[in-house]
Amino acid sequence: MSTGPQGHVSTAERRQELAANLAAVRERIARACADAGRDADEVTLVVVTKFFPASDVRLLADLGVRHVGENRHQEAEAKAAECADLGLTWHFIGGLQSNKAAAVAAYAQVVESVDRSKLVRPLDRGAQGRDAPVDVLLQVSLDPPGAVGRAGADPADVPALAASVAEAPALRLRGLMGVAPLGGDPETAFGRLAQVHRDLRATFPDATWLSAGMSGDLEQAVRAGATHVRIGSAVLGSRPETK
């Protein structure tokens, strides 16, 4: 099967590669938790499979991965349908358009990228037919004031956005998500996110999830209290070439 720039490898070889990468990432999480005085069971690994085939998702599931993240609606919808028999928890972590929000809520158990109130109503509508509420994380901008960078709600807007999600009957407010600014210090950024999270929990004590950290900065995220880390390249390797 094709794995992009690595060329063609057998399923057995790909499984061995993924197993080794997963072991290394899990060891990083365990070490970071030990350094922070935390239990490694407190941190959920979400493997981000953007641009990688459903066959990799099946191998990951066989290796014990239960949480899978996707950035793009069309790819995520197709992959979730193809792997519906695996019983995975699908996290949508990419930028969310209001006209796609209802469709995303139909297959994703967790939506991590809610950054404006305009998304709440269509998400709630799309989640109405599900057996359980869709778990929602509010994406918070960690960019310095005035910087043009990653998506996310201004920290000052989080309380109102949280209230909007909490009032939606088919949604469940779980916590916050953040991405360290490009070129910035992730430790400082995740420290700001942790403070916003503490403030949120003063009003919504059940919003205990904090999704932060990727392949390059998971250790800093764990130190800041992350309960979920979103790992792509450290598990799957370089992204395949896209046309």
Protein backbone atom coordinates (compact mmCIF):
# COMPACT_ATOMS: atom_id res chain seq x y z
CA MET A 1 0.00 0.00 0.00
CA SER A 2 1.13 3.56 -0.55
CA THR A 3 2.41 5.65 2.35
CA GLY A 4 3.25 8.75 0.34
CA PRO A 5 6.91 9.78 0.20
CA GLN A 6 8.06 6.53 1.78
CA GLY A 7 6.88 4.63 -1.29
CA HIS A 8 5.14 1.27 -1.26
CA VAL A 9 5.47 -0.92 1.81
CA SER A 10 3.62 -4.00 2.91
CA THR A 11 0.85 -3.90 5.49
CA ALA A 12 3.09 -5.80 7.91
CA GLU A 13 5.90 -3.27 7.47
CA ARG A 14 3.54 -0.34 7.93
CA ARG A 15 2.08 -1.91 11.07
CA GLN A 16 5.58 -2.38 12.48
CA GLU A 17 6.42 1.26 11.72
CA LEU A 18 3.25 2.54 13.37
CA ALA A 19 3.77 0.29 16.39
CA ALA A 20 7.29 1.63 16.93
CA ASN A 21 6.16 5.25 16.54
CA LEU A 22 3.23 4.74 18.89
CA ALA A 23 5.49 3.19 21.51
CA ALA A 24 7.84 6.17 21.29
CA VAL A 25 5.00 8.69 21.64
CA ARG A 26 3.45 6.82 24.54
CA GLU A 27 6.84 6.78 26.25
CA ARG A 28 7.14 10.55 25.73
CA ILE A 29 3.72 11.04 27.31
CA ALA A 30 4.63 8.77 30.23
CA ARG A 31 7.92 10.62 30.85
CA ALA A 32 6.22 14.02 30.62
CA CYS A 33 3.56 12.91 33.08
CA ALA A 34 6.17 11.54 35.48
CA ASP A 35 8.09 14.83 35.30
CA ALA A 36 4.87 16.73 36.02
CA GLY A 37 3.81 14.42 38.85
CA ARG A 38 0.82 13.19 36.88
CA ASP A 39 -0.52 9.74 36.04
CA ALA A 40 -0.08 8.83 32.38
CA ASP A 41 -3.67 7.56 32.35
CA GLU A 42 -4.77 11.19 32.71
CA VAL A 43 -3.68 11.97 29.12
CA THR A 44 -5.60 10.71 26.10
CA LEU A 45 -3.68 10.26 22.86
CA VAL A 46 -5.60 11.48 19.80
CA VAL A 47 -3.84 10.35 16.61
CA VAL A 48 -4.39 12.82 13.77
CA THR A 49 -4.72 10.90 10.50
CA LYS A 50 -5.19 13.82 8.09
CA PHE A 51 -4.09 12.82 4.54
CA PHE A 52 -3.42 9.22 5.62
CA PRO A 53 -5.61 6.34 4.37
CA ALA A 54 -8.30 4.44 6.23
CA SER A 55 -5.99 1.42 6.13
CA ASP A 56 -3.70 3.25 8.56
CA VAL A 57 -6.67 3.93 10.83
CA ARG A 58 -7.39 0.20 10.89
CA LEU A 59 -3.80 -0.59 11.79
CA LEU A 60 -3.84 2.04 14.54
CA ALA A 61 -7.05 0.60 15.97
CA ASP A 62 -5.44 -2.83 16.00
CA LEU A 63 -2.56 -1.29 17.95
CA GLY A 64 -4.88 0.06 20.61
CA VAL A 65 -5.63 3.60 19.40
CA ARG A 66 -9.21 4.57 20.28
CA HIS A 67 -9.23 8.31 19.48
CA VAL A 68 -8.68 9.59 15.94
CA GLY A 69 -8.51 13.23 14.85
CA GLU A 70 -9.32 14.75 11.47
CA ASN A 71 -9.00 18.30 10.12
CA ARG A 72 -11.07 18.31 6.93
CA HIS A 73 -14.78 17.52 6.79
CA GLN A 74 -14.93 15.65 3.49
CA GLU A 75 -12.01 13.39 4.33
CA ALA A 76 -13.19 12.89 7.92
CA GLU A 77 -16.74 11.96 6.90
CA ALA A 78 -15.57 9.37 4.39
CA LYS A 79 -12.97 7.87 6.71
CA ALA A 80 -15.37 7.65 9.65
CA ALA A 81 -17.89 5.84 7.46
CA GLU A 82 -15.27 3.42 6.13
CA CYS A 83 -14.08 2.64 9.65
CA ALA A 84 -17.48 2.65 11.37
CA ASP A 85 -17.06 -0.96 12.50
CA LEU A 86 -14.03 -0.12 14.66
CA GLY A 87 -15.89 1.69 17.44
CA LEU A 88 -13.48 4.66 17.43
CA THR A 89 -14.03 8.10 18.88
CA TRP A 90 -13.66 10.67 16.09
CA HIS A 91 -12.41 14.16 16.96
CA PHE A 92 -12.93 16.98 14.47
CA ILE A 93 -10.08 19.40 15.10
CA GLY A 94 -9.96 21.58 11.99
CA GLY A 95 -11.47 24.92 11.13
CA LEU A 96 -15.24 24.54 11.11
CA GLN A 97 -17.56 26.25 8.64
CA SER A 98 -21.09 26.97 9.82
CA ASN A 99 -22.60 25.38 6.69
CA LYS A 100 -20.70 22.13 7.42
CA ALA A 101 -21.18 22.06 11.19
CA ALA A 102 -24.37 19.97 11.18
CA ALA A 103 -22.76 17.37 8.90
CA VAL A 104 -19.67 17.19 11.14
CA ALA A 105 -21.83 16.60 14.22
CA ALA A 106 -23.40 13.61 12.49
CA TYR A 107 -20.18 11.53 12.65
CA ALA A 108 -17.76 13.22 15.10
CA GLN A 109 -18.22 12.36 18.75
CA VAL A 110 -15.95 15.27 19.71
CA VAL A 111 -15.68 18.68 18.02
CA GLU A 112 -12.61 20.51 19.31
CA SER A 113 -12.68 23.65 17.16
CA VAL A 114 -15.75 25.65 18.21
CA ASP A 115 -14.53 29.24 18.23
CA ARG A 116 -17.67 31.32 17.60
CA SER A 117 -21.32 31.27 18.57
CA LYS A 118 -22.46 31.00 14.94
CA LEU A 119 -21.41 27.33 15.00
CA VAL A 120 -23.47 26.28 18.01
CA ARG A 121 -26.94 26.10 16.47
CA PRO A 122 -25.97 24.04 13.38
CA LEU A 123 -23.81 21.74 15.50
CA ASP A 124 -26.70 21.18 17.87
CA ARG A 125 -29.03 20.50 14.95
CA GLY A 126 -26.65 17.94 13.47
CA ALA A 127 -26.23 16.20 16.83
CA GLN A 128 -29.98 15.84 17.48
CA GLY A 129 -30.23 12.32 16.07
CA ARG A 130 -27.29 10.86 17.97
CA ASP A 131 -27.52 8.47 20.89
CA ALA A 132 -25.37 10.73 23.06
CA PRO A 133 -24.51 14.44 23.07
CA VAL A 134 -21.59 15.59 20.95
CA ASP A 135 -18.69 16.63 23.16
CA VAL A 136 -17.50 20.18 22.44
CA LEU A 137 -14.22 21.92 23.14
CA LEU A 138 -13.89 25.66 22.67
CA GLN A 139 -10.82 26.58 20.64
CA VAL A 140 -9.01 29.50 22.26
CA SER A 141 -6.62 31.75 20.37
CA LEU A 142 -3.18 31.71 21.97
CA ASP A 143 -1.69 34.27 19.60
CA PRO A 144 -0.39 37.55 21.05
CA PRO A 145 -2.87 40.46 20.89
CA GLY A 146 -3.05 41.91 17.39
CA ALA A 147 -1.24 38.99 15.76
CA VAL A 148 -2.68 37.27 12.71
CA GLY A 149 -2.25 33.59 13.39
CA ARG A 150 -4.22 30.48 14.18
CA ALA A 151 -7.97 30.26 14.68
CA GLY A 152 -9.61 30.51 18.05
CA ALA A 153 -11.87 32.59 20.22
CA ASP A 154 -10.50 35.53 22.13
CA PRO A 155 -10.16 34.48 25.79
CA ALA A 156 -12.53 37.30 26.74
CA ASP A 157 -15.25 35.72 24.59
CA VAL A 158 -14.97 32.25 26.13
CA PRO A 159 -17.56 32.68 28.93
CA ALA A 160 -20.36 33.70 26.55
CA LEU A 161 -19.43 31.01 24.04
CA ALA A 162 -19.34 28.39 26.80
CA ALA A 163 -22.79 29.42 27.99
CA SER A 164 -24.13 29.09 24.45
CA VAL A 165 -22.79 25.54 24.12
CA ALA A 166 -23.98 24.58 27.60
CA GLU A 167 -27.53 25.62 26.67
CA ALA A 168 -27.61 23.47 23.51
CA PRO A 169 -29.49 20.24 24.33
CA ALA A 170 -27.54 17.94 22.00
CA LEU A 171 -24.10 19.31 22.88
CA ARG A 172 -21.95 18.79 25.98
CA LEU A 173 -19.35 21.38 26.98
CA ARG A 174 -16.17 19.46 27.80
CA GLY A 175 -13.45 22.10 27.98
CA LEU A 176 -10.92 23.95 25.85
CA MET A 177 -8.52 23.38 22.97
CA GLY A 178 -5.55 25.47 21.92
CA VAL A 179 -2.66 25.46 19.45
CA ALA A 180 0.67 27.08 20.29
CA PRO A 181 1.43 30.10 18.06
CA LEU A 182 3.80 29.56 15.15
CA GLY A 183 7.26 30.61 16.27
CA GLY A 184 6.08 31.26 19.81
CA ASP A 185 6.97 29.65 23.12
CA PRO A 186 4.52 26.78 23.67
CA GLU A 187 5.14 26.73 27.42
CA THR A 188 3.97 30.32 27.75
CA ALA A 189 1.04 29.77 25.39
CA PHE A 190 -0.17 26.66 27.18
CA GLY A 191 0.20 28.45 30.51
CA ARG A 192 -2.24 31.10 29.24
CA LEU A 193 -4.59 28.37 28.04
CA ALA A 194 -4.46 26.68 31.45
CA GLN A 195 -5.46 29.94 33.13
CA VAL A 196 -8.43 30.38 30.77
CA HIS A 197 -9.36 26.79 31.59
CA ARG A 198 -9.24 27.43 35.33
CA ASP A 199 -11.49 30.45 34.85
CA LEU A 200 -13.93 28.40 32.75
CA ARG A 201 -14.14 25.64 35.36
CA ALA A 202 -15.08 28.16 38.03
CA THR A 203 -18.40 28.49 36.19
CA PHE A 204 -18.54 25.11 34.43
CA PRO A 205 -16.81 22.62 36.75
CA ASP A 206 -17.53 19.65 34.47
CA ALA A 207 -15.55 21.21 31.59
CA THR A 208 -12.45 19.26 32.61
CA TRP A 209 -10.87 18.52 29.23
CA LEU A 210 -7.86 20.49 28.00
CA SER A 211 -6.67 19.58 24.51
CA ALA A 212 -3.20 20.96 23.83
CA GLY A 213 0.07 19.77 22.38
CA MET A 214 1.12 18.19 19.12
CA SER A 215 4.15 16.21 17.97
CA GLY A 216 6.63 18.98 18.73
CA ASP A 217 5.32 20.29 22.03
CA LEU A 218 3.40 17.56 23.83
CA GLU A 219 5.73 17.73 26.85
CA GLN A 220 4.97 21.42 27.45
CA ALA A 221 1.26 20.69 27.07
CA VAL A 222 1.35 17.89 29.63
CA ARG A 223 3.14 20.17 32.08
CA ALA A 224 0.35 22.72 31.60
CA GLY A 225 -2.29 20.11 32.45
CA ALA A 226 -3.39 18.84 29.03
CA THR A 227 -5.81 15.92 29.21
CA HIS A 228 -5.64 15.28 25.43
CA VAL A 229 -2.70 15.57 23.03
CA ARG A 230 -3.17 15.59 19.24
CA ILE A 231 -0.32 13.76 17.55
CA GLY A 232 0.12 13.34 13.80
CA SER A 233 3.61 13.13 12.28
CA ALA A 234 5.28 11.55 15.33
CA VAL A 235 2.99 8.53 14.86
CA LEU A 236 2.25 8.44 11.15
CA GLY A 237 5.39 9.98 9.66
CA SER A 238 5.62 12.71 7.05
CA ARG A 239 2.38 13.57 5.33
CA PRO A 240 1.81 11.94 1.95
CA GLU A 241 2.14 14.12 -1.12
CA THR A 242 -1.21 15.65 -2.05
CA LYS A 243 -2.35 16.65 -5.49
